Amino acid sequence: MLSKRVKQNTLKNTQRHEGDTGSAEAQVGLLTRQIEELSKHLRKHKKDFHSRRGLLQMVADRRKHLKYLQKKDEKAYEALIKKLGLKR
């Protein structure tokens, strides 16, 4: 789980405008940060299969948001991929 400060910093880097929390860019940014944290947890706790399932759900959700963003706004998609350091 992300702290309030970490969420705010992540949103500040990816949101479209001040107060934006629901756009695809903001959601992908938050999901990416949560995935990083959960991946770090799973490296330490290899047998935590319940958290692994949650990780897979987050990855699938992020993939759906990215697919939507790519379809709607290619430039924003490319900028977000570059900003977050994700590969296609």
Protein backbone atom coordinates (compact mmCIF):
# COMPACT_ATOMS: atom_id res chain seq x y z
CA MET A 1 0.00 0.00 0.00
CA LEU A 2 1.30 3.42 -0.94
CA SER A 3 1.52 6.23 1.56
CA LYS A 4 -0.45 9.40 0.97
CA ARG A 5 2.70 11.39 0.18
CA VAL A 6 3.92 8.83 -2.38
CA LYS A 7 0.51 8.83 -4.08
CA GLN A 8 0.48 12.62 -4.26
CA ASN A 9 3.97 12.73 -5.76
CA THR A 10 3.08 10.06 -8.30
CA LEU A 11 -0.11 11.83 -9.28
CA LYS A 12 1.69 15.17 -9.55
CA ASN A 13 4.04 13.66 -12.14
CA THR A 14 1.35 12.01 -14.30
CA GLN A 15 -1.90 13.96 -13.99
CA ARG A 16 -3.29 16.07 -16.84
CA HIS A 17 -4.30 19.01 -14.65
CA GLU A 18 -4.41 19.94 -10.97
CA GLY A 19 -6.77 17.66 -9.04
CA ASP A 20 -6.89 15.00 -11.77
CA THR A 21 -7.06 11.52 -10.29
CA GLY A 22 -9.23 9.63 -12.77
CA SER A 23 -7.56 10.06 -16.13
CA ALA A 24 -5.87 7.10 -17.77
CA GLU A 25 -2.46 8.74 -17.30
CA ALA A 26 -2.99 9.22 -13.56
CA GLN A 27 -4.31 5.68 -13.12
CA VAL A 28 -1.38 4.17 -15.02
CA GLY A 29 1.05 6.18 -12.92
CA LEU A 30 -0.48 4.96 -9.66
CA LEU A 31 -0.70 1.37 -10.86
CA THR A 32 2.92 1.45 -11.99
CA ARG A 33 4.05 2.65 -8.58
CA GLN A 34 1.94 -0.01 -6.80
CA ILE A 35 3.31 -2.70 -9.10
CA GLU A 36 6.87 -1.64 -8.27
CA GLU A 37 6.17 -1.79 -4.53
CA LEU A 38 4.43 -5.16 -4.73
CA SER A 39 7.19 -6.60 -6.91
CA LYS A 40 9.73 -5.58 -4.29
CA HIS A 41 7.60 -7.30 -1.63
CA LEU A 42 7.32 -10.49 -3.69
CA ARG A 43 11.08 -10.71 -4.21
CA LYS A 44 11.41 -11.00 -0.44
CA HIS A 45 8.32 -13.18 0.16
CA LYS A 46 8.41 -15.70 -2.67
CA LYS A 47 5.51 -17.83 -1.42
CA ASP A 48 2.98 -15.02 -1.01
CA PHE A 49 0.65 -16.26 -3.72
CA HIS A 50 -2.30 -14.08 -2.69
CA SER A 51 -0.28 -10.92 -3.29
CA ARG A 52 0.99 -12.38 -6.56
CA ARG A 53 -2.61 -12.68 -7.74
CA GLY A 54 -3.20 -9.03 -6.86
CA LEU A 55 -0.06 -8.08 -8.78
CA LEU A 56 -1.30 -9.90 -11.87
CA GLN A 57 -4.64 -8.09 -11.62
CA MET A 58 -2.88 -4.73 -11.37
CA VAL A 59 -0.71 -5.51 -14.39
CA ALA A 60 -3.81 -6.47 -16.40
CA ASP A 61 -5.60 -3.30 -15.30
CA ARG A 62 -2.62 -1.14 -16.27
CA ARG A 63 -2.47 -2.88 -19.64
CA LYS A 64 -6.15 -2.08 -20.24
CA HIS A 65 -5.63 1.59 -19.35
CA LEU A 66 -2.61 1.79 -21.65
CA LYS A 67 -4.50 0.15 -24.50
CA TYR A 68 -7.34 2.65 -24.06
CA LEU A 69 -4.93 5.58 -23.97
CA GLN A 70 -3.11 4.36 -27.07
CA LYS A 71 -6.40 4.13 -28.94
CA LYS A 72 -7.63 7.57 -27.82
CA ASP A 73 -4.46 9.69 -27.75
CA GLU A 74 -1.27 8.29 -29.28
CA LYS A 75 0.91 11.27 -28.30
CA ALA A 76 -0.13 11.12 -24.64
CA TYR A 77 0.48 7.36 -24.69
CA GLU A 78 4.01 7.75 -26.04
CA ALA A 79 4.80 10.54 -23.56
CA LEU A 80 3.53 8.46 -20.63
CA ILE A 81 5.48 5.37 -21.69
CA LYS A 82 8.65 7.45 -21.91
CA LYS A 83 7.99 9.21 -18.59
CA LEU A 84 7.35 5.99 -16.67
CA GLY A 85 10.07 4.00 -18.41
CA LEU A 86 7.74 1.26 -19.61
CA LYS A 87 8.43 -0.87 -22.64
CA ARG A 88 5.83 -1.68 -25.22
